N, C-alpha and C. Protein backbone atom coordinates (compact mmCIF):
# COMPACT_ATOMS: atom_id res chain seq x y z
N UNK A 1 14.61 47.54 46.04
CA UNK A 1 15.95 47.38 45.51
C UNK A 1 16.80 46.68 46.57
N UNK A 2 17.62 45.77 46.15
CA UNK A 2 18.34 44.93 47.11
C UNK A 2 19.56 45.59 47.75
N UNK A 3 20.02 44.94 48.81
CA UNK A 3 21.27 45.30 49.45
C UNK A 3 22.37 44.40 48.88
N UNK A 4 23.62 44.76 49.14
CA UNK A 4 24.75 44.01 48.63
C UNK A 4 25.77 43.77 49.73
N UNK A 5 26.43 42.60 49.71
CA UNK A 5 27.48 42.27 50.67
C UNK A 5 28.81 42.36 49.93
N UNK A 6 29.77 43.07 50.52
CA UNK A 6 31.06 43.30 49.87
C UNK A 6 32.14 42.37 50.44
N UNK A 7 33.32 42.42 49.83
CA UNK A 7 34.42 41.50 50.16
C UNK A 7 34.89 41.54 51.61
N UNK A 8 34.55 42.58 52.34
CA UNK A 8 34.97 42.67 53.73
C UNK A 8 34.20 41.70 54.64
N UNK A 9 33.23 41.00 54.07
CA UNK A 9 32.42 40.04 54.83
C UNK A 9 33.33 38.98 55.48
N UNK A 10 33.09 38.74 56.77
CA UNK A 10 33.89 37.74 57.50
C UNK A 10 33.14 36.42 57.67
N UNK A 11 31.92 36.35 57.12
CA UNK A 11 31.16 35.10 57.19
C UNK A 11 30.66 34.76 58.57
N UNK A 12 30.26 35.78 59.34
CA UNK A 12 29.82 35.54 60.72
C UNK A 12 28.43 34.92 60.80
N UNK A 13 27.64 34.95 59.75
CA UNK A 13 26.29 34.40 59.61
C UNK A 13 25.18 35.24 60.24
N UNK A 14 25.50 36.35 60.88
CA UNK A 14 24.47 37.15 61.54
C UNK A 14 23.43 37.68 60.54
N UNK A 15 23.88 38.12 59.38
CA UNK A 15 22.95 38.64 58.38
C UNK A 15 21.95 37.57 57.95
N UNK A 16 22.45 36.38 57.66
CA UNK A 16 21.59 35.29 57.21
C UNK A 16 20.62 34.86 58.30
N UNK A 17 21.09 34.81 59.53
CA UNK A 17 20.23 34.39 60.64
C UNK A 17 19.12 35.40 60.92
N UNK A 18 19.36 36.68 60.62
CA UNK A 18 18.39 37.72 60.95
C UNK A 18 17.53 38.17 59.77
N UNK A 19 17.84 37.75 58.58
CA UNK A 19 17.07 38.16 57.39
C UNK A 19 15.65 37.60 57.47
N UNK A 20 14.62 38.45 57.46
CA UNK A 20 13.24 37.95 57.61
C UNK A 20 12.73 37.17 56.41
N UNK A 21 13.37 37.28 55.25
CA UNK A 21 12.89 36.57 54.06
C UNK A 21 13.80 35.43 53.63
N UNK A 22 14.90 35.22 54.33
CA UNK A 22 15.83 34.16 53.95
C UNK A 22 16.57 34.45 52.66
N UNK A 23 16.78 35.74 52.38
CA UNK A 23 17.41 36.15 51.12
C UNK A 23 18.93 35.99 51.13
N UNK A 24 19.52 35.69 52.27
CA UNK A 24 20.98 35.66 52.39
C UNK A 24 21.45 34.23 52.65
N UNK A 25 22.50 33.85 51.92
CA UNK A 25 23.06 32.51 52.11
C UNK A 25 24.58 32.56 51.99
N UNK A 26 25.20 31.52 52.46
CA UNK A 26 26.65 31.41 52.39
C UNK A 26 27.16 30.41 53.39
N UNK A 27 28.48 30.24 53.40
CA UNK A 27 29.12 29.31 54.33
C UNK A 27 29.81 30.09 55.43
N UNK A 28 29.84 29.50 56.61
CA UNK A 28 30.50 30.11 57.76
C UNK A 28 31.94 30.50 57.41
N UNK A 29 32.32 31.71 57.73
CA UNK A 29 33.66 32.27 57.52
C UNK A 29 34.01 32.50 56.05
N UNK A 30 32.98 32.60 55.20
CA UNK A 30 33.17 32.92 53.78
C UNK A 30 32.20 34.02 53.40
N UNK A 31 32.38 34.59 52.22
CA UNK A 31 31.54 35.67 51.74
C UNK A 31 30.10 35.21 51.55
N UNK A 32 29.15 35.95 52.14
CA UNK A 32 27.73 35.65 51.99
C UNK A 32 27.17 36.42 50.80
N UNK A 33 26.01 35.99 50.31
CA UNK A 33 25.39 36.59 49.13
C UNK A 33 23.93 36.89 49.43
N UNK A 34 23.45 38.03 48.91
CA UNK A 34 22.04 38.39 49.03
C UNK A 34 21.35 38.11 47.69
N UNK A 35 20.27 37.34 47.73
CA UNK A 35 19.49 37.07 46.53
C UNK A 35 18.57 38.27 46.28
N UNK A 36 18.81 39.05 45.23
CA UNK A 36 18.06 40.29 45.02
C UNK A 36 16.56 40.08 44.86
N UNK A 37 16.14 38.95 44.33
CA UNK A 37 14.71 38.72 44.15
C UNK A 37 13.98 38.48 45.47
N UNK A 38 14.71 38.16 46.53
CA UNK A 38 14.10 37.94 47.85
C UNK A 38 14.32 39.11 48.81
N UNK A 39 15.28 39.97 48.51
CA UNK A 39 15.61 41.09 49.39
C UNK A 39 14.48 42.11 49.38
N UNK A 40 14.02 42.52 50.57
CA UNK A 40 12.94 43.49 50.68
C UNK A 40 13.44 44.86 51.12
N UNK A 41 14.76 45.06 51.16
CA UNK A 41 15.34 46.36 51.47
C UNK A 41 14.99 46.86 52.87
N UNK A 42 14.95 45.94 53.83
CA UNK A 42 14.57 46.33 55.20
C UNK A 42 15.77 46.75 56.05
N UNK A 43 16.98 46.45 55.60
CA UNK A 43 18.24 46.82 56.28
C UNK A 43 18.50 46.07 57.58
N UNK A 44 17.75 45.02 57.85
CA UNK A 44 18.01 44.24 59.05
C UNK A 44 19.42 43.64 58.99
N UNK A 45 19.81 43.16 57.82
CA UNK A 45 21.14 42.55 57.65
C UNK A 45 22.24 43.56 57.95
N UNK A 46 22.11 44.77 57.40
CA UNK A 46 23.12 45.80 57.62
C UNK A 46 23.16 46.23 59.09
N UNK A 47 22.02 46.17 59.73
CA UNK A 47 21.93 46.57 61.14
C UNK A 47 22.70 45.62 62.05
N UNK A 48 22.77 44.34 61.68
CA UNK A 48 23.45 43.36 62.54
C UNK A 48 24.87 43.06 62.10
N UNK A 49 25.28 43.56 60.93
CA UNK A 49 26.62 43.26 60.41
C UNK A 49 27.71 43.93 61.26
N UNK A 50 28.61 43.13 61.86
CA UNK A 50 29.63 43.71 62.73
C UNK A 50 30.76 44.42 61.99
N UNK A 51 30.91 44.17 60.68
CA UNK A 51 32.00 44.80 59.93
C UNK A 51 31.51 45.82 58.90
N UNK A 52 30.23 46.14 58.91
CA UNK A 52 29.63 47.14 58.03
C UNK A 52 29.97 46.91 56.55
N UNK A 53 29.81 45.69 56.09
CA UNK A 53 30.13 45.37 54.69
C UNK A 53 28.89 45.27 53.81
N UNK A 54 27.75 45.65 54.34
CA UNK A 54 26.50 45.58 53.58
C UNK A 54 26.06 46.99 53.21
N UNK A 55 25.79 47.20 51.92
CA UNK A 55 25.37 48.51 51.45
C UNK A 55 24.02 48.40 50.74
N UNK A 56 23.38 49.56 50.62
CA UNK A 56 22.12 49.59 49.89
C UNK A 56 22.38 49.76 48.40
N UNK A 57 21.35 49.95 47.61
CA UNK A 57 21.49 50.06 46.16
C UNK A 57 22.27 51.29 45.73
N UNK A 58 22.44 52.28 46.61
CA UNK A 58 23.20 53.49 46.30
C UNK A 58 24.66 53.39 46.76
N UNK A 59 25.02 52.24 47.33
CA UNK A 59 26.39 52.06 47.82
C UNK A 59 26.61 52.63 49.20
N UNK A 60 25.55 53.03 49.87
CA UNK A 60 25.65 53.61 51.21
C UNK A 60 25.44 52.52 52.26
N UNK A 61 26.17 52.63 53.36
CA UNK A 61 25.96 51.72 54.48
C UNK A 61 24.80 52.26 55.30
N UNK A 62 23.70 51.51 55.40
CA UNK A 62 22.55 52.01 56.17
C UNK A 62 22.94 52.25 57.63
N UNK A 63 22.41 53.30 58.25
CA UNK A 63 22.75 53.59 59.64
C UNK A 63 22.23 52.48 60.57
N UNK A 64 23.02 52.19 61.57
CA UNK A 64 22.60 51.17 62.53
C UNK A 64 21.55 51.79 63.45
N UNK A 65 20.49 51.03 63.70
CA UNK A 65 19.43 51.45 64.60
C UNK A 65 19.04 50.27 65.46
N UNK A 66 18.76 50.55 66.71
CA UNK A 66 18.21 49.51 67.56
C UNK A 66 16.79 49.26 67.08
N UNK A 67 16.35 48.03 67.13
CA UNK A 67 15.03 47.69 66.61
C UNK A 67 13.92 48.53 67.24
N UNK A 68 13.93 48.79 68.56
CA UNK A 68 12.87 49.64 69.10
C UNK A 68 12.88 51.07 68.54
N UNK A 69 14.01 51.54 68.01
CA UNK A 69 14.09 52.89 67.47
C UNK A 69 13.67 52.96 66.01
N UNK A 70 13.59 51.82 65.33
CA UNK A 70 13.18 51.83 63.93
C UNK A 70 11.70 52.21 63.85
N UNK A 71 11.34 52.97 62.82
CA UNK A 71 9.91 53.29 62.66
C UNK A 71 9.09 52.02 62.52
N UNK A 72 7.94 52.02 63.15
CA UNK A 72 7.05 50.86 63.12
C UNK A 72 5.79 51.23 62.34
N UNK A 73 5.13 50.23 61.82
CA UNK A 73 3.90 50.46 61.06
C UNK A 73 2.77 50.85 62.01
N UNK A 74 1.96 51.78 61.55
CA UNK A 74 0.78 52.24 62.28
C UNK A 74 -0.36 52.28 61.29
N UNK A 75 -1.42 51.53 61.55
CA UNK A 75 -2.58 51.50 60.65
C UNK A 75 -3.60 52.51 61.16
N UNK A 76 -3.96 53.45 60.29
CA UNK A 76 -4.99 54.43 60.62
C UNK A 76 -6.34 53.73 60.42
N UNK A 77 -6.97 53.40 61.52
CA UNK A 77 -8.16 52.56 61.47
C UNK A 77 -9.31 53.18 60.69
N UNK A 78 -9.39 54.49 60.66
CA UNK A 78 -10.49 55.15 59.95
C UNK A 78 -10.45 54.88 58.45
N UNK A 79 -9.27 54.61 57.90
CA UNK A 79 -9.16 54.39 56.46
C UNK A 79 -8.98 52.94 56.06
N UNK A 80 -8.71 52.07 57.02
CA UNK A 80 -8.45 50.65 56.70
C UNK A 80 -9.75 49.97 56.27
N UNK A 81 -9.66 49.25 55.15
CA UNK A 81 -10.83 48.51 54.65
C UNK A 81 -10.74 47.02 54.95
N UNK A 82 -9.60 46.61 55.49
CA UNK A 82 -9.42 45.19 55.79
C UNK A 82 -9.12 44.37 54.54
N UNK A 83 -8.54 44.99 53.52
CA UNK A 83 -8.27 44.30 52.25
C UNK A 83 -7.17 43.24 52.36
N UNK A 84 -6.37 43.31 53.40
CA UNK A 84 -5.31 42.34 53.71
C UNK A 84 -4.08 42.44 52.82
N UNK A 85 -3.95 43.48 52.00
CA UNK A 85 -2.75 43.62 51.18
C UNK A 85 -1.51 43.70 52.07
N UNK A 86 -1.61 44.41 53.18
CA UNK A 86 -0.48 44.54 54.10
C UNK A 86 -0.15 43.21 54.77
N UNK A 87 -1.16 42.44 55.12
CA UNK A 87 -0.94 41.14 55.74
C UNK A 87 -0.19 40.21 54.81
N UNK A 88 -0.52 40.26 53.53
CA UNK A 88 0.08 39.36 52.56
C UNK A 88 1.55 39.63 52.31
N UNK A 89 2.01 40.88 52.46
CA UNK A 89 3.41 41.19 52.19
C UNK A 89 4.29 41.21 53.43
N UNK A 90 3.72 41.18 54.59
CA UNK A 90 4.52 41.26 55.83
C UNK A 90 5.38 40.00 55.98
N UNK A 91 6.71 40.15 55.97
CA UNK A 91 7.57 38.97 56.03
C UNK A 91 7.64 38.31 57.40
N UNK A 92 7.19 39.01 58.44
CA UNK A 92 7.28 38.45 59.79
C UNK A 92 5.91 38.24 60.43
N UNK A 93 4.85 38.35 59.62
CA UNK A 93 3.48 38.16 60.09
C UNK A 93 3.14 39.04 61.28
N UNK A 94 3.57 40.31 61.21
CA UNK A 94 3.28 41.27 62.28
C UNK A 94 1.91 41.90 62.13
N UNK A 95 1.28 41.74 60.98
CA UNK A 95 -0.04 42.33 60.74
C UNK A 95 -1.08 41.22 60.76
N UNK A 96 -2.16 41.48 61.46
CA UNK A 96 -3.19 40.46 61.63
C UNK A 96 -4.56 41.13 61.72
N UNK A 97 -5.59 40.30 61.62
CA UNK A 97 -6.95 40.76 61.87
C UNK A 97 -7.36 40.20 63.23
N UNK A 98 -7.93 41.04 64.07
CA UNK A 98 -8.33 40.57 65.40
C UNK A 98 -9.34 39.43 65.32
N UNK A 99 -9.14 38.49 66.21
CA UNK A 99 -10.07 37.36 66.34
C UNK A 99 -10.46 37.26 67.80
N UNK A 100 -11.37 36.38 68.11
CA UNK A 100 -11.78 36.19 69.50
C UNK A 100 -10.60 35.73 70.36
N UNK A 101 -9.61 35.07 69.73
CA UNK A 101 -8.44 34.59 70.48
C UNK A 101 -7.41 35.70 70.70
N UNK A 102 -7.14 36.52 69.66
CA UNK A 102 -6.10 37.54 69.76
C UNK A 102 -6.56 38.81 70.47
N UNK A 103 -7.80 39.22 70.24
CA UNK A 103 -8.34 40.46 70.82
C UNK A 103 -9.79 40.26 71.25
N UNK A 104 -10.03 39.46 72.29
CA UNK A 104 -11.42 39.15 72.65
C UNK A 104 -12.25 40.38 73.00
N UNK A 105 -11.66 41.37 73.67
CA UNK A 105 -12.41 42.58 74.04
C UNK A 105 -12.83 43.36 72.81
N UNK A 106 -11.92 43.50 71.86
CA UNK A 106 -12.22 44.26 70.64
C UNK A 106 -13.30 43.56 69.82
N UNK A 107 -13.20 42.25 69.68
CA UNK A 107 -14.20 41.50 68.91
C UNK A 107 -15.55 41.59 69.60
N UNK A 108 -15.56 41.53 70.94
CA UNK A 108 -16.82 41.64 71.67
C UNK A 108 -17.41 43.03 71.52
N UNK A 109 -16.58 44.07 71.60
CA UNK A 109 -17.06 45.45 71.46
C UNK A 109 -17.63 45.74 70.08
N UNK A 110 -17.16 45.04 69.07
CA UNK A 110 -17.62 45.27 67.70
C UNK A 110 -18.56 44.16 67.22
N UNK A 111 -19.04 43.36 68.15
CA UNK A 111 -20.00 42.30 67.86
C UNK A 111 -19.48 41.30 66.82
N UNK A 112 -18.17 41.10 66.82
CA UNK A 112 -17.56 40.10 65.97
C UNK A 112 -17.39 40.50 64.51
N UNK A 113 -17.67 41.75 64.17
CA UNK A 113 -17.55 42.16 62.77
C UNK A 113 -16.34 43.06 62.52
N UNK A 114 -15.42 43.11 63.46
CA UNK A 114 -14.23 43.94 63.30
C UNK A 114 -13.34 43.30 62.25
N UNK A 115 -13.12 44.01 61.14
CA UNK A 115 -12.34 43.41 60.06
C UNK A 115 -11.12 44.24 59.68
N UNK A 116 -10.76 45.21 60.50
CA UNK A 116 -9.60 46.03 60.19
C UNK A 116 -8.33 45.30 60.60
N UNK A 117 -7.24 45.65 59.94
CA UNK A 117 -5.95 45.03 60.26
C UNK A 117 -5.28 45.74 61.41
N UNK A 118 -4.47 45.02 62.14
CA UNK A 118 -3.72 45.56 63.26
C UNK A 118 -2.26 45.15 63.13
N UNK A 119 -1.36 45.90 63.79
CA UNK A 119 0.07 45.61 63.77
C UNK A 119 0.52 45.18 65.17
N UNK A 120 1.27 44.10 65.23
CA UNK A 120 1.90 43.69 66.49
C UNK A 120 3.25 44.39 66.52
N UNK A 121 3.41 45.44 67.36
CA UNK A 121 4.65 46.22 67.36
C UNK A 121 5.88 45.43 67.79
N UNK A 122 5.70 44.35 68.50
CA UNK A 122 6.84 43.54 68.92
C UNK A 122 7.41 42.78 67.72
N UNK A 123 6.54 42.31 66.83
CA UNK A 123 6.99 41.57 65.66
C UNK A 123 7.45 42.47 64.52
N UNK A 124 6.90 43.68 64.43
CA UNK A 124 7.19 44.58 63.31
C UNK A 124 8.68 44.93 63.26
N UNK A 125 9.30 44.76 62.08
CA UNK A 125 10.72 45.07 61.92
C UNK A 125 10.94 46.40 61.20
N UNK A 126 9.86 47.08 60.85
CA UNK A 126 9.99 48.38 60.22
C UNK A 126 10.46 48.33 58.77
N UNK A 127 10.13 47.29 58.04
CA UNK A 127 10.62 47.15 56.66
C UNK A 127 9.86 48.02 55.67
N UNK A 128 8.72 48.52 56.02
CA UNK A 128 7.90 49.44 55.23
C UNK A 128 7.18 48.79 54.05
N UNK A 129 7.20 47.48 53.93
CA UNK A 129 6.49 46.83 52.82
C UNK A 129 4.99 47.11 52.90
N UNK A 130 4.42 47.05 54.09
CA UNK A 130 2.99 47.30 54.24
C UNK A 130 2.65 48.74 53.85
N UNK A 131 3.50 49.66 54.25
CA UNK A 131 3.33 51.08 53.92
C UNK A 131 3.33 51.29 52.41
N UNK A 132 4.22 50.60 51.72
CA UNK A 132 4.35 50.76 50.28
C UNK A 132 3.21 50.11 49.50
N UNK A 133 2.62 49.05 50.03
CA UNK A 133 1.62 48.31 49.30
C UNK A 133 0.17 48.72 49.62
N UNK A 134 -0.06 49.44 50.68
CA UNK A 134 -1.43 49.79 51.09
C UNK A 134 -2.12 50.64 50.02
N UNK A 135 -3.21 50.15 49.43
CA UNK A 135 -3.88 50.90 48.37
C UNK A 135 -4.65 52.10 48.88
N UNK A 136 -4.86 52.20 50.18
CA UNK A 136 -5.66 53.28 50.75
C UNK A 136 -4.81 54.30 51.49
N UNK A 137 -3.48 54.15 51.49
CA UNK A 137 -2.58 55.07 52.20
C UNK A 137 -2.97 55.25 53.67
N UNK A 138 -3.30 54.15 54.31
CA UNK A 138 -3.70 54.23 55.71
C UNK A 138 -2.66 53.65 56.66
N UNK A 139 -1.45 53.47 56.15
CA UNK A 139 -0.37 52.99 57.01
C UNK A 139 0.72 54.05 57.05
N UNK A 140 1.11 54.39 58.27
CA UNK A 140 2.21 55.34 58.48
C UNK A 140 3.34 54.60 59.17
N UNK A 141 4.54 55.10 58.99
CA UNK A 141 5.69 54.57 59.71
C UNK A 141 6.02 55.60 60.78
N UNK A 142 5.97 55.18 62.04
CA UNK A 142 6.18 56.12 63.14
C UNK A 142 7.33 55.67 64.02
N UNK A 143 8.13 56.62 64.44
CA UNK A 143 9.23 56.33 65.37
C UNK A 143 8.75 56.65 66.78
N UNK A 144 9.46 56.15 67.74
CA UNK A 144 9.09 56.43 69.13
C UNK A 144 8.13 55.40 69.67
N UNK A 145 7.28 55.84 70.59
CA UNK A 145 6.33 54.92 71.22
C UNK A 145 5.33 54.42 70.21
N UNK A 146 5.00 53.15 70.32
CA UNK A 146 4.03 52.54 69.42
C UNK A 146 2.64 52.99 69.85
N UNK A 147 1.85 53.39 68.88
CA UNK A 147 0.51 53.88 69.17
C UNK A 147 -0.49 53.22 68.25
N UNK A 148 -1.75 53.39 68.59
CA UNK A 148 -2.81 53.06 67.65
C UNK A 148 -3.44 54.39 67.26
N UNK A 149 -4.04 54.43 66.12
CA UNK A 149 -4.67 55.66 65.66
C UNK A 149 -6.16 55.44 65.48
N UNK A 150 -6.94 56.42 65.83
CA UNK A 150 -8.37 56.34 65.65
C UNK A 150 -8.88 57.73 65.33
N UNK A 151 -10.08 57.80 64.76
CA UNK A 151 -10.64 59.08 64.39
C UNK A 151 -11.53 59.59 65.51
N UNK A 152 -11.33 60.84 65.85
CA UNK A 152 -12.13 61.45 66.90
C UNK A 152 -12.52 62.84 66.41
N UNK A 153 -13.79 63.04 66.13
CA UNK A 153 -14.24 64.35 65.68
C UNK A 153 -13.61 64.79 64.37
N UNK A 154 -13.32 63.85 63.47
CA UNK A 154 -12.74 64.20 62.18
C UNK A 154 -11.23 64.34 62.19
N UNK A 155 -10.59 64.17 63.35
CA UNK A 155 -9.14 64.28 63.45
C UNK A 155 -8.57 62.94 63.85
N UNK A 156 -7.38 62.66 63.38
CA UNK A 156 -6.71 61.42 63.77
C UNK A 156 -6.05 61.66 65.12
N UNK A 157 -6.40 60.83 66.10
CA UNK A 157 -5.80 60.93 67.42
C UNK A 157 -4.92 59.72 67.65
N UNK A 158 -3.99 59.84 68.54
CA UNK A 158 -3.09 58.73 68.84
C UNK A 158 -3.27 58.30 70.28
N UNK A 159 -3.19 57.01 70.47
CA UNK A 159 -3.35 56.44 71.79
C UNK A 159 -2.16 55.53 72.04
N UNK A 160 -1.42 55.76 73.14
CA UNK A 160 -0.24 54.96 73.45
C UNK A 160 -0.65 53.57 73.90
N UNK A 161 -0.03 52.57 73.28
CA UNK A 161 -0.29 51.18 73.65
C UNK A 161 0.56 50.80 74.85
N UNK A 162 0.03 49.96 75.67
CA UNK A 162 0.82 49.50 76.82
C UNK A 162 1.41 48.14 76.58
């Protein structure tokens, strides 16, 4: 469901410049508009709005959060099938499959057959699209330190990424 920009908009352009899908348009110093068919409800626009004129579908102003504090996607590797549904919906291309170029050690350790998806925590904006679309429910949104998850003895363990 889309966000909305109200009359208090001062046309600063920050929302449009930061929108990961290009859903926002307008002229400098005039009211901007969000195209509902492109809005992914990630709240990035509301987070950068200096006058708090952007609301969600319930009319609420989303709370401001620093990007590192926003929950990030975490793929539970034990359940990932590598179907790429999450990769296809990610607006900032934060989800990828390891290759010899991106993760040479991982590809070497798995003899080049590693086909699970991974999240680049620096690129992830916490929009939750991958979480919503995953057919296997193997994506969690986690706040705090970015981790990877793996199965150890039947339990999901977390490992802090450096």
